[in-house]
Amino acid sequence: MEPLNKKIEELTTHINPVDDNKKPFKPTSAFVGASWIALLVGVVGYCIGLWNATMELNEKGYYFVILLFGLFSVISVQKSVRDKVEGLPVTELYYGLSWFATLAAIILLIIGLWNADLLLSEKGFYGISFILSVFAAIAVQKNTRDAKLFKDEIL
């Protein structure tokens, strides 16, 4: 097991932008822009779908809260994973709760859509816009952190 741990340690030091005099890469403006656009398209599309939906207000609230919960939880997971890679302290409790919250948001959305009296195309729309939103939130968080590391390295 020791050789495997050594190999993992070697790999993580190469991807760690803070170690070994490696300079962090500044995210390209194209990737930053694409990430923000994807986030806006996903969130705005999801919310427009909810606004125009013919469901009860409490159902709309449920799906909106699931979106907010999912966005927060994936950002928390991304930050925890990145902190661990960079050697910053992260408690296992917070790390585990972040993953639990992410999975809970996805599972709650699936259960809600499974039991909803919606057309299959509407269910697909909410699922795809949710996944687009959470993926884009991870990319935006990554870009924000990379840009800050790059800026701190320059100054």
C-alpha atoms as a PDB file:
ATOM      1  CA  MET A   1       0.000   0.000   0.000  1.00  0.00           C
ATOM      2  CA  GLU A   2       2.968   2.288   0.596  1.00  0.00           C
ATOM      3  CA  PRO A   3       3.958   2.524  -3.103  1.00  0.00           C
ATOM      4  CA  LEU A   4       0.396   3.541  -3.968  1.00  0.00           C
ATOM      5  CA  ASN A   5       0.368   6.307  -1.334  1.00  0.00           C
ATOM      6  CA  LYS A   6       3.745   7.528  -2.608  1.00  0.00           C
ATOM      7  CA  LYS A   7       2.445   7.592  -6.196  1.00  0.00           C
ATOM      8  CA  ILE A   8      -0.685   9.505  -5.127  1.00  0.00           C
ATOM      9  CA  GLU A   9       1.480  12.003  -3.254  1.00  0.00           C
ATOM     10  CA  GLU A  10       3.678  12.483  -6.327  1.00  0.00           C
ATOM     11  CA  LEU A  11       0.659  13.056  -8.534  1.00  0.00           C
ATOM     12  CA  THR A  12      -0.972  15.563  -6.190  1.00  0.00           C
ATOM     13  CA  THR A  13       2.206  17.602  -5.861  1.00  0.00           C
ATOM     14  CA  HIS A  14       2.323  18.011  -9.635  1.00  0.00           C
ATOM     15  CA  ILE A  15      -1.224  19.344  -9.833  1.00  0.00           C
ATOM     16  CA  ASN A  16      -0.810  21.580  -6.800  1.00  0.00           C
ATOM     17  CA  PRO A  17      -0.160  25.082  -8.177  1.00  0.00           C
ATOM     18  CA  VAL A  18       1.269  26.317  -4.863  1.00  0.00           C
ATOM     19  CA  ASP A  19       4.107  23.754  -4.476  1.00  0.00           C
ATOM     20  CA  ASP A  20       7.482  23.426  -6.177  1.00  0.00           C
ATOM     21  CA  ASN A  21       7.667  27.002  -7.503  1.00  0.00           C
ATOM     22  CA  LYS A  22       4.916  26.188  -9.979  1.00  0.00           C
ATOM     23  CA  LYS A  23       2.981  29.221 -11.048  1.00  0.00           C
ATOM     24  CA  PRO A  24      -0.793  28.922 -11.113  1.00  0.00           C
ATOM     25  CA  PHE A  25      -2.359  29.250 -14.529  1.00  0.00           C
ATOM     26  CA  LYS A  26      -4.666  32.163 -15.150  1.00  0.00           C
ATOM     27  CA  PRO A  27      -7.987  30.962 -16.557  1.00  0.00           C
ATOM     28  CA  THR A  28      -8.570  32.183 -20.096  1.00  0.00           C
ATOM     29  CA  SER A  29     -11.214  34.813 -20.603  1.00  0.00           C
ATOM     30  CA  ALA A  30     -12.987  32.453 -23.025  1.00  0.00           C
ATOM     31  CA  PHE A  31     -13.316  29.748 -20.355  1.00  0.00           C
ATOM     32  CA  VAL A  32     -14.369  32.274 -17.707  1.00  0.00           C
ATOM     33  CA  GLY A  33     -16.959  33.730 -20.057  1.00  0.00           C
ATOM     34  CA  ALA A  34     -18.251  30.331 -21.140  1.00  0.00           C
ATOM     35  CA  SER A  35     -18.567  29.240 -17.500  1.00  0.00           C
ATOM     36  CA  TRP A  36     -20.534  32.327 -16.512  1.00  0.00           C
ATOM     37  CA  ILE A  37     -22.753  32.093 -19.584  1.00  0.00           C
ATOM     38  CA  ALA A  38     -23.466  28.413 -18.886  1.00  0.00           C
ATOM     39  CA  LEU A  39     -24.337  29.260 -15.272  1.00  0.00           C
ATOM     40  CA  LEU A  40     -26.651  32.092 -16.309  1.00  0.00           C
ATOM     41  CA  VAL A  41     -28.316  30.038 -19.053  1.00  0.00           C
ATOM     42  CA  GLY A  42     -28.874  27.120 -16.679  1.00  0.00           C
ATOM     43  CA  VAL A  43     -30.180  29.149 -13.728  1.00  0.00           C
ATOM     44  CA  VAL A  44     -32.247  31.621 -15.766  1.00  0.00           C
ATOM     45  CA  GLY A  45     -33.675  28.843 -17.946  1.00  0.00           C
ATOM     46  CA  TYR A  46     -34.592  26.785 -14.875  1.00  0.00           C
ATOM     47  CA  CYS A  47     -36.240  29.810 -13.230  1.00  0.00           C
ATOM     48  CA  ILE A  48     -38.136  30.802 -16.387  1.00  0.00           C
ATOM     49  CA  GLY A  49     -39.379  27.225 -16.617  1.00  0.00           C
ATOM     50  CA  LEU A  50     -40.584  27.425 -13.018  1.00  0.00           C
ATOM     51  CA  TRP A  51     -42.204  30.822 -13.581  1.00  0.00           C
ATOM     52  CA  ASN A  52     -44.197  29.520 -16.547  1.00  0.00           C
ATOM     53  CA  ALA A  53     -45.012  26.137 -15.017  1.00  0.00           C
ATOM     54  CA  THR A  54     -48.615  25.285 -14.209  1.00  0.00           C
ATOM     55  CA  MET A  55     -47.746  23.738 -10.861  1.00  0.00           C
ATOM     56  CA  GLU A  56     -48.685  24.909  -7.387  1.00  0.00           C
ATOM     57  CA  LEU A  57     -46.580  27.604  -5.744  1.00  0.00           C
ATOM     58  CA  ASN A  58     -45.286  25.172  -3.115  1.00  0.00           C
ATOM     59  CA  GLU A  59     -44.006  22.877  -5.898  1.00  0.00           C
ATOM     60  CA  LYS A  60     -42.264  25.800  -7.567  1.00  0.00           C
ATOM     61  CA  GLY A  61     -40.681  26.647  -4.227  1.00  0.00           C
ATOM     62  CA  TYR A  62     -39.499  23.068  -3.799  1.00  0.00           C
ATOM     63  CA  TYR A  63     -37.740  23.019  -7.174  1.00  0.00           C
ATOM     64  CA  PHE A  64     -36.251  26.493  -6.623  1.00  0.00           C
ATOM     65  CA  VAL A  65     -34.835  25.520  -3.227  1.00  0.00           C
ATOM     66  CA  ILE A  66     -33.410  22.316  -4.739  1.00  0.00           C
ATOM     67  CA  LEU A  67     -31.571  24.464  -7.315  1.00  0.00           C
ATOM     68  CA  LEU A  68     -30.154  26.774  -4.635  1.00  0.00           C
ATOM     69  CA  PHE A  69     -29.222  23.821  -2.432  1.00  0.00           C
ATOM     70  CA  GLY A  70     -27.511  22.070  -5.340  1.00  0.00           C
ATOM     71  CA  LEU A  71     -25.540  25.170  -6.351  1.00  0.00           C
ATOM     72  CA  PHE A  72     -24.302  25.781  -2.819  1.00  0.00           C
ATOM     73  CA  SER A  73     -23.402  22.157  -2.210  1.00  0.00           C
ATOM     74  CA  VAL A  74     -21.357  21.674  -5.402  1.00  0.00           C
ATOM     75  CA  ILE A  75     -19.431  24.881  -4.735  1.00  0.00           C
ATOM     76  CA  SER A  76     -18.732  23.581  -1.244  1.00  0.00           C
ATOM     77  CA  VAL A  77     -17.516  20.240  -2.609  1.00  0.00           C
ATOM     78  CA  GLN A  78     -15.275  21.963  -5.153  1.00  0.00           C
ATOM     79  CA  LYS A  79     -13.767  24.180  -2.475  1.00  0.00           C
ATOM     80  CA  SER A  80     -13.204  21.259  -0.102  1.00  0.00           C
ATOM     81  CA  VAL A  81     -11.556  19.117  -2.761  1.00  0.00           C
ATOM     82  CA  ARG A  82      -9.342  21.996  -3.868  1.00  0.00           C
ATOM     83  CA  ASP A  83      -8.383  22.829  -0.283  1.00  0.00           C
ATOM     84  CA  LYS A  84      -7.375  19.219   0.332  1.00  0.00           C
ATOM     85  CA  VAL A  85      -5.247  19.123  -2.825  1.00  0.00           C
ATOM     86  CA  GLU A  86      -3.522  22.358  -1.827  1.00  0.00           C
ATOM     87  CA  GLY A  87      -2.809  21.059   1.658  1.00  0.00           C
ATOM     88  CA  LEU A  88      -5.220  23.371   3.441  1.00  0.00           C
ATOM     89  CA  PRO A  89      -7.019  21.873   6.431  1.00  0.00           C
ATOM     90  CA  VAL A  90     -10.487  20.510   5.728  1.00  0.00           C
ATOM     91  CA  THR A  91     -12.352  18.519   8.329  1.00  0.00           C
ATOM     92  CA  GLU A  92     -13.675  15.177   7.201  1.00  0.00           C
ATOM     93  CA  LEU A  93     -17.061  16.142   8.643  1.00  0.00           C
ATOM     94  CA  TYR A  94     -17.374  19.200   6.389  1.00  0.00           C
ATOM     95  CA  TYR A  95     -16.031  17.284   3.399  1.00  0.00           C
ATOM     96  CA  GLY A  96     -18.525  14.465   3.977  1.00  0.00           C
ATOM     97  CA  LEU A  97     -21.426  16.849   4.544  1.00  0.00           C
ATOM     98  CA  SER A  98     -20.602  18.674   1.314  1.00  0.00           C
ATOM     99  CA  TRP A  99     -20.780  15.445  -0.651  1.00  0.00           C
ATOM    100  CA  PHE A 100     -23.930  14.367   1.197  1.00  0.00           C
ATOM    101  CA  ALA A 101     -25.615  17.694   0.396  1.00  0.00           C
ATOM    102  CA  THR A 102     -24.673  17.399  -3.282  1.00  0.00           C
ATOM    103  CA  LEU A 103     -26.040  13.885  -3.566  1.00  0.00           C
ATOM    104  CA  ALA A 104     -29.133  14.842  -1.564  1.00  0.00           C
ATOM    105  CA  ALA A 105     -29.918  17.733  -3.922  1.00  0.00           C
ATOM    106  CA  ILE A 106     -29.596  15.492  -6.971  1.00  0.00           C
ATOM    107  CA  ILE A 107     -31.651  12.694  -5.418  1.00  0.00           C
ATOM    108  CA  LEU A 108     -34.358  15.114  -4.234  1.00  0.00           C
ATOM    109  CA  LEU A 109     -34.621  16.566  -7.733  1.00  0.00           C
ATOM    110  CA  ILE A 110     -34.895  13.080  -9.242  1.00  0.00           C
ATOM    111  CA  ILE A 111     -37.573  12.041  -6.724  1.00  0.00           C
ATOM    112  CA  GLY A 112     -39.489  15.276  -7.258  1.00  0.00           C
ATOM    113  CA  LEU A 113     -39.430  14.944 -11.033  1.00  0.00           C
ATOM    114  CA  TRP A 114     -40.245  11.239 -10.910  1.00  0.00           C
ATOM    115  CA  ASN A 115     -43.404  11.935  -8.922  1.00  0.00           C
ATOM    116  CA  ALA A 116     -44.355  15.193 -10.675  1.00  0.00           C
ATOM    117  CA  ASP A 117     -47.350  15.405 -12.953  1.00  0.00           C
ATOM    118  CA  LEU A 118     -45.283  16.926 -15.773  1.00  0.00           C
ATOM    119  CA  LEU A 119     -44.663  16.025 -19.387  1.00  0.00           C
ATOM    120  CA  LEU A 120     -41.523  14.012 -19.964  1.00  0.00           C
ATOM    121  CA  SER A 121     -40.071  16.928 -21.933  1.00  0.00           C
ATOM    122  CA  GLU A 122     -40.610  19.235 -18.933  1.00  0.00           C
ATOM    123  CA  LYS A 123     -38.931  16.761 -16.605  1.00  0.00           C
ATOM    124  CA  GLY A 124     -36.005  16.557 -18.995  1.00  0.00           C
ATOM    125  CA  PHE A 125     -35.807  20.341 -19.201  1.00  0.00           C
ATOM    126  CA  TYR A 126     -35.557  20.717 -15.416  1.00  0.00           C
ATOM    127  CA  GLY A 127     -33.034  17.899 -15.146  1.00  0.00           C
ATOM    128  CA  ILE A 128     -30.776  19.236 -17.890  1.00  0.00           C
ATOM    129  CA  SER A 129     -30.930  22.860 -16.717  1.00  0.00           C
ATOM    130  CA  PHE A 130     -30.161  21.728 -13.150  1.00  0.00           C
ATOM    131  CA  ILE A 131     -27.129  19.707 -14.258  1.00  0.00           C
ATOM    132  CA  LEU A 132     -25.934  22.565 -16.485  1.00  0.00           C
ATOM    133  CA  SER A 133     -26.264  24.968 -13.561  1.00  0.00           C
ATOM    134  CA  VAL A 134     -24.369  22.869 -11.026  1.00  0.00           C
ATOM    135  CA  PHE A 135     -21.616  21.979 -13.482  1.00  0.00           C
ATOM    136  CA  ALA A 136     -21.210  25.628 -14.450  1.00  0.00           C
ATOM    137  CA  ALA A 137     -21.146  26.636 -10.761  1.00  0.00           C
ATOM    138  CA  ILE A 138     -18.189  24.283 -10.257  1.00  0.00           C
ATOM    139  CA  ALA A 139     -16.398  25.817 -13.244  1.00  0.00           C
ATOM    140  CA  VAL A 140     -17.082  29.386 -12.061  1.00  0.00           C
ATOM    141  CA  GLN A 141     -15.779  28.524  -8.568  1.00  0.00           C
ATOM    142  CA  LYS A 142     -12.655  26.951 -10.079  1.00  0.00           C
ATOM    143  CA  ASN A 143     -12.028  29.971 -12.318  1.00  0.00           C
ATOM    144  CA  THR A 144     -12.536  32.368  -9.428  1.00  0.00           C
ATOM    145  CA  ARG A 145     -10.068  30.488  -7.279  1.00  0.00           C
ATOM    146  CA  ASP A 146      -7.501  30.096 -10.063  1.00  0.00           C
ATOM    147  CA  ALA A 147      -7.713  33.805 -10.897  1.00  0.00           C
ATOM    148  CA  LYS A 148      -7.185  34.716  -7.240  1.00  0.00           C
ATOM    149  CA  LEU A 149      -4.186  32.386  -6.939  1.00  0.00           C
ATOM    150  CA  PHE A 150      -2.728  33.844 -10.123  1.00  0.00           C
ATOM    151  CA  LYS A 151      -3.290  37.398  -8.894  1.00  0.00           C
ATOM    152  CA  ASP A 152      -1.769  36.614  -5.471  1.00  0.00           C
ATOM    153  CA  GLU A 153       1.237  35.019  -7.187  1.00  0.00           C
ATOM    154  CA  ILE A 154       1.815  38.118  -9.334  1.00  0.00           C
ATOM    155  CA  LEU A 155       1.584  40.539  -6.405  1.00  0.00           C
END
